[in-house]
Amino acid sequence: MNNAISNNVVYIPVPNSSYQLYYGTINPINTSQVEFAFGYQDQTFQVNADCEQGLLNGQPPSTAEEAELLNAACQIAFASF
């Protein structure tokens, strides 16, 4: 994330996926939920995640890429840097 900020890039690539996480959109709702936007195939999507239950928009991730996206957003929203 620090590289993205220093290079004036508005997203970070999500590891092991084709997703781009727009880190400026990450907005914690409470102590376990976060809303954020990500890019995929030239489109932008807005989602909610529950980091404690491991859910995207109320559902478990259906692919490993979605799980990576969930993990990245939760790490940025709630990890201590």
N, C-alpha and C. Protein backbone atom coordinates (compact mmCIF):
# COMPACT_ATOMS: atom_id res chain seq x y z
N MET A 1 0.82 -1.19 0.00
CA MET A 1 0.00 0.00 0.00
C MET A 1 0.86 1.25 0.00
N ASN A 2 1.95 1.23 0.75
CA ASN A 2 2.82 2.40 0.77
C ASN A 2 3.35 2.74 -0.61
N ASN A 3 3.67 1.71 -1.41
CA ASN A 3 4.13 1.95 -2.77
C ASN A 3 3.06 2.61 -3.61
N ALA A 4 1.82 2.18 -3.45
CA ALA A 4 0.72 2.78 -4.21
C ALA A 4 0.56 4.25 -3.86
N ILE A 5 0.63 4.55 -2.58
CA ILE A 5 0.47 5.94 -2.14
C ILE A 5 1.61 6.80 -2.67
N SER A 6 2.84 6.32 -2.52
CA SER A 6 3.98 7.12 -2.95
C SER A 6 4.03 7.29 -4.47
N ASN A 7 3.44 6.35 -5.20
CA ASN A 7 3.41 6.45 -6.66
C ASN A 7 2.12 7.07 -7.19
N ASN A 8 1.29 7.60 -6.28
CA ASN A 8 0.02 8.23 -6.65
C ASN A 8 -0.90 7.32 -7.45
N VAL A 9 -0.95 6.06 -7.07
CA VAL A 9 -1.85 5.09 -7.69
C VAL A 9 -3.04 4.92 -6.75
N VAL A 10 -4.25 4.89 -7.29
CA VAL A 10 -5.45 4.86 -6.44
C VAL A 10 -5.87 3.45 -6.04
N TYR A 11 -5.15 2.46 -6.50
CA TYR A 11 -5.51 1.09 -6.16
C TYR A 11 -4.26 0.28 -5.84
N ILE A 12 -4.50 -0.85 -5.19
CA ILE A 12 -3.43 -1.82 -5.01
C ILE A 12 -3.89 -3.12 -5.67
N PRO A 13 -2.99 -3.83 -6.33
CA PRO A 13 -3.37 -5.13 -6.90
C PRO A 13 -3.59 -6.12 -5.77
N VAL A 14 -4.65 -6.88 -5.86
CA VAL A 14 -4.94 -7.90 -4.84
C VAL A 14 -4.12 -9.14 -5.20
N PRO A 15 -3.33 -9.64 -4.25
CA PRO A 15 -2.48 -10.82 -4.54
C PRO A 15 -3.29 -12.00 -5.07
N ASN A 16 -2.71 -12.72 -6.00
CA ASN A 16 -3.31 -13.95 -6.55
C ASN A 16 -4.68 -13.73 -7.16
N SER A 17 -4.90 -12.54 -7.74
CA SER A 17 -6.20 -12.26 -8.34
C SER A 17 -6.05 -11.24 -9.46
N SER A 18 -7.14 -10.99 -10.15
CA SER A 18 -7.19 -9.96 -11.19
C SER A 18 -7.85 -8.69 -10.67
N TYR A 19 -8.06 -8.59 -9.37
CA TYR A 19 -8.77 -7.46 -8.78
C TYR A 19 -7.82 -6.31 -8.43
N GLN A 20 -8.37 -5.11 -8.45
CA GLN A 20 -7.67 -3.92 -8.02
C GLN A 20 -8.49 -3.30 -6.89
N LEU A 21 -7.93 -3.25 -5.71
CA LEU A 21 -8.62 -2.72 -4.53
C LEU A 21 -8.36 -1.22 -4.43
N TYR A 22 -9.43 -0.42 -4.51
CA TYR A 22 -9.32 1.03 -4.38
C TYR A 22 -9.25 1.38 -2.90
N TYR A 23 -8.02 1.52 -2.40
CA TYR A 23 -7.81 1.65 -0.96
C TYR A 23 -8.43 2.91 -0.38
N GLY A 24 -8.61 3.95 -1.18
CA GLY A 24 -9.23 5.17 -0.67
C GLY A 24 -10.72 5.02 -0.39
N THR A 25 -11.32 3.94 -0.87
CA THR A 25 -12.75 3.72 -0.65
C THR A 25 -13.04 2.85 0.56
N ILE A 26 -12.01 2.33 1.20
CA ILE A 26 -12.21 1.41 2.32
C ILE A 26 -12.76 2.19 3.51
N ASN A 27 -13.95 1.81 3.93
CA ASN A 27 -14.66 2.53 4.98
C ASN A 27 -15.19 1.54 6.02
N PRO A 28 -14.52 1.42 7.17
CA PRO A 28 -15.06 0.54 8.22
C PRO A 28 -16.44 1.02 8.68
N ILE A 29 -17.37 0.10 8.77
CA ILE A 29 -18.73 0.41 9.21
C ILE A 29 -18.84 0.24 10.72
N ASN A 30 -18.20 -0.80 11.23
CA ASN A 30 -18.13 -1.06 12.67
C ASN A 30 -16.85 -1.85 12.92
N THR A 31 -16.77 -2.59 14.00
CA THR A 31 -15.52 -3.27 14.34
C THR A 31 -15.24 -4.51 13.50
N SER A 32 -16.19 -4.96 12.69
CA SER A 32 -15.94 -6.14 11.86
C SER A 32 -16.36 -5.98 10.41
N GLN A 33 -17.10 -4.93 10.08
CA GLN A 33 -17.60 -4.77 8.72
C GLN A 33 -16.97 -3.57 8.04
N VAL A 34 -16.79 -3.71 6.73
CA VAL A 34 -16.16 -2.66 5.94
C VAL A 34 -16.85 -2.62 4.57
N GLU A 35 -16.94 -1.42 4.01
CA GLU A 35 -17.40 -1.29 2.63
C GLU A 35 -16.25 -0.73 1.81
N PHE A 36 -16.19 -1.13 0.54
CA PHE A 36 -15.09 -0.70 -0.31
C PHE A 36 -15.45 -0.94 -1.78
N ALA A 37 -14.62 -0.38 -2.64
CA ALA A 37 -14.78 -0.57 -4.08
C ALA A 37 -13.55 -1.28 -4.63
N PHE A 38 -13.78 -2.05 -5.70
CA PHE A 38 -12.66 -2.69 -6.38
C PHE A 38 -12.93 -2.70 -7.88
N GLY A 39 -11.86 -2.84 -8.62
CA GLY A 39 -11.96 -2.88 -10.06
C GLY A 39 -11.69 -4.27 -10.59
N TYR A 40 -12.41 -4.61 -11.66
CA TYR A 40 -12.24 -5.90 -12.32
C TYR A 40 -12.73 -5.76 -13.76
N GLN A 41 -11.89 -6.08 -14.72
CA GLN A 41 -12.22 -6.01 -16.14
C GLN A 41 -12.83 -4.66 -16.53
N ASP A 42 -12.13 -3.59 -16.15
CA ASP A 42 -12.52 -2.21 -16.49
C ASP A 42 -13.87 -1.79 -15.91
N GLN A 43 -14.33 -2.45 -14.86
CA GLN A 43 -15.55 -2.06 -14.17
C GLN A 43 -15.23 -1.87 -12.69
N THR A 44 -16.04 -1.06 -12.02
CA THR A 44 -15.89 -0.83 -10.59
C THR A 44 -17.09 -1.40 -9.86
N PHE A 45 -16.82 -2.09 -8.78
CA PHE A 45 -17.87 -2.72 -7.97
C PHE A 45 -17.76 -2.23 -6.54
N GLN A 46 -18.90 -2.00 -5.91
CA GLN A 46 -18.98 -1.60 -4.50
C GLN A 46 -19.50 -2.79 -3.71
N VAL A 47 -18.80 -3.16 -2.63
CA VAL A 47 -19.22 -4.32 -1.84
C VAL A 47 -19.11 -4.01 -0.35
N ASN A 48 -19.77 -4.84 0.43
CA ASN A 48 -19.65 -4.84 1.89
C ASN A 48 -19.01 -6.15 2.29
N ALA A 49 -18.19 -6.11 3.31
CA ALA A 49 -17.55 -7.32 3.80
C ALA A 49 -17.70 -7.41 5.30
N ASP A 50 -17.87 -8.62 5.78
CA ASP A 50 -17.84 -8.90 7.21
C ASP A 50 -16.56 -9.67 7.47
N CYS A 51 -15.62 -9.01 8.09
CA CYS A 51 -14.29 -9.59 8.28
C CYS A 51 -14.28 -10.70 9.33
N GLU A 52 -15.17 -10.66 10.30
CA GLU A 52 -15.21 -11.72 11.31
C GLU A 52 -15.84 -12.99 10.75
N GLN A 53 -16.92 -12.83 9.96
CA GLN A 53 -17.61 -13.99 9.42
C GLN A 53 -17.07 -14.41 8.05
N GLY A 54 -16.22 -13.57 7.44
CA GLY A 54 -15.64 -13.92 6.15
C GLY A 54 -16.64 -13.87 5.01
N LEU A 55 -17.46 -12.81 4.98
CA LEU A 55 -18.52 -12.71 3.97
C LEU A 55 -18.34 -11.49 3.08
N LEU A 56 -18.68 -11.63 1.81
CA LEU A 56 -18.76 -10.52 0.86
C LEU A 56 -20.23 -10.36 0.48
N ASN A 57 -20.78 -9.19 0.72
CA ASN A 57 -22.20 -8.94 0.46
C ASN A 57 -23.08 -10.04 1.05
N GLY A 58 -22.72 -10.49 2.25
CA GLY A 58 -23.52 -11.48 2.96
C GLY A 58 -23.32 -12.91 2.55
N GLN A 59 -22.39 -13.18 1.63
CA GLN A 59 -22.15 -14.53 1.14
C GLN A 59 -20.68 -14.90 1.30
N PRO A 60 -20.40 -16.18 1.49
CA PRO A 60 -18.99 -16.59 1.52
C PRO A 60 -18.35 -16.35 0.15
N PRO A 61 -17.07 -16.05 0.10
CA PRO A 61 -16.41 -15.90 -1.20
C PRO A 61 -16.59 -17.17 -2.03
N SER A 62 -16.89 -17.00 -3.32
CA SER A 62 -17.12 -18.17 -4.17
C SER A 62 -15.87 -18.61 -4.92
N THR A 63 -14.82 -17.81 -4.86
CA THR A 63 -13.56 -18.17 -5.52
C THR A 63 -12.40 -17.79 -4.59
N ALA A 64 -11.24 -18.33 -4.90
CA ALA A 64 -10.04 -17.97 -4.15
C ALA A 64 -9.71 -16.49 -4.35
N GLU A 65 -9.99 -15.95 -5.54
CA GLU A 65 -9.75 -14.54 -5.79
C GLU A 65 -10.62 -13.66 -4.89
N GLU A 66 -11.88 -14.03 -4.73
CA GLU A 66 -12.75 -13.27 -3.84
C GLU A 66 -12.26 -13.34 -2.39
N ALA A 67 -11.75 -14.48 -1.99
CA ALA A 67 -11.20 -14.62 -0.63
C ALA A 67 -9.98 -13.71 -0.45
N GLU A 68 -9.14 -13.62 -1.47
CA GLU A 68 -7.99 -12.72 -1.42
C GLU A 68 -8.44 -11.26 -1.32
N LEU A 69 -9.48 -10.90 -2.06
CA LEU A 69 -10.03 -9.55 -2.02
C LEU A 69 -10.55 -9.22 -0.62
N LEU A 70 -11.31 -10.13 -0.06
CA LEU A 70 -11.83 -9.97 1.29
C LEU A 70 -10.70 -9.79 2.28
N ASN A 71 -9.70 -10.63 2.20
CA ASN A 71 -8.56 -10.56 3.11
C ASN A 71 -7.83 -9.22 2.98
N ALA A 72 -7.58 -8.79 1.75
CA ALA A 72 -6.86 -7.53 1.54
C ALA A 72 -7.62 -6.35 2.13
N ALA A 73 -8.90 -6.28 1.87
CA ALA A 73 -9.71 -5.16 2.38
C ALA A 73 -9.74 -5.18 3.90
N CYS A 74 -9.90 -6.34 4.50
CA CYS A 74 -9.97 -6.43 5.96
C CYS A 74 -8.61 -6.09 6.59
N GLN A 75 -7.54 -6.52 5.95
CA GLN A 75 -6.21 -6.20 6.48
C GLN A 75 -5.98 -4.70 6.49
N ILE A 76 -6.36 -4.04 5.40
CA ILE A 76 -6.16 -2.59 5.33
C ILE A 76 -7.09 -1.86 6.31
N ALA A 77 -8.33 -2.32 6.43
CA ALA A 77 -9.30 -1.65 7.29
C ALA A 77 -8.98 -1.81 8.77
N PHE A 78 -8.51 -2.98 9.17
CA PHE A 78 -8.42 -3.26 10.59
C PHE A 78 -7.04 -3.61 11.13
N ALA A 79 -6.05 -3.79 10.27
CA ALA A 79 -4.71 -4.14 10.75
C ALA A 79 -4.01 -2.89 11.28
N SER A 80 -3.13 -3.10 12.21
CA SER A 80 -2.32 -1.99 12.74
C SER A 80 -1.06 -1.88 11.89
N PHE A 81 -0.84 -0.70 11.37
CA PHE A 81 0.36 -0.47 10.54
C PHE A 81 1.42 0.22 11.36
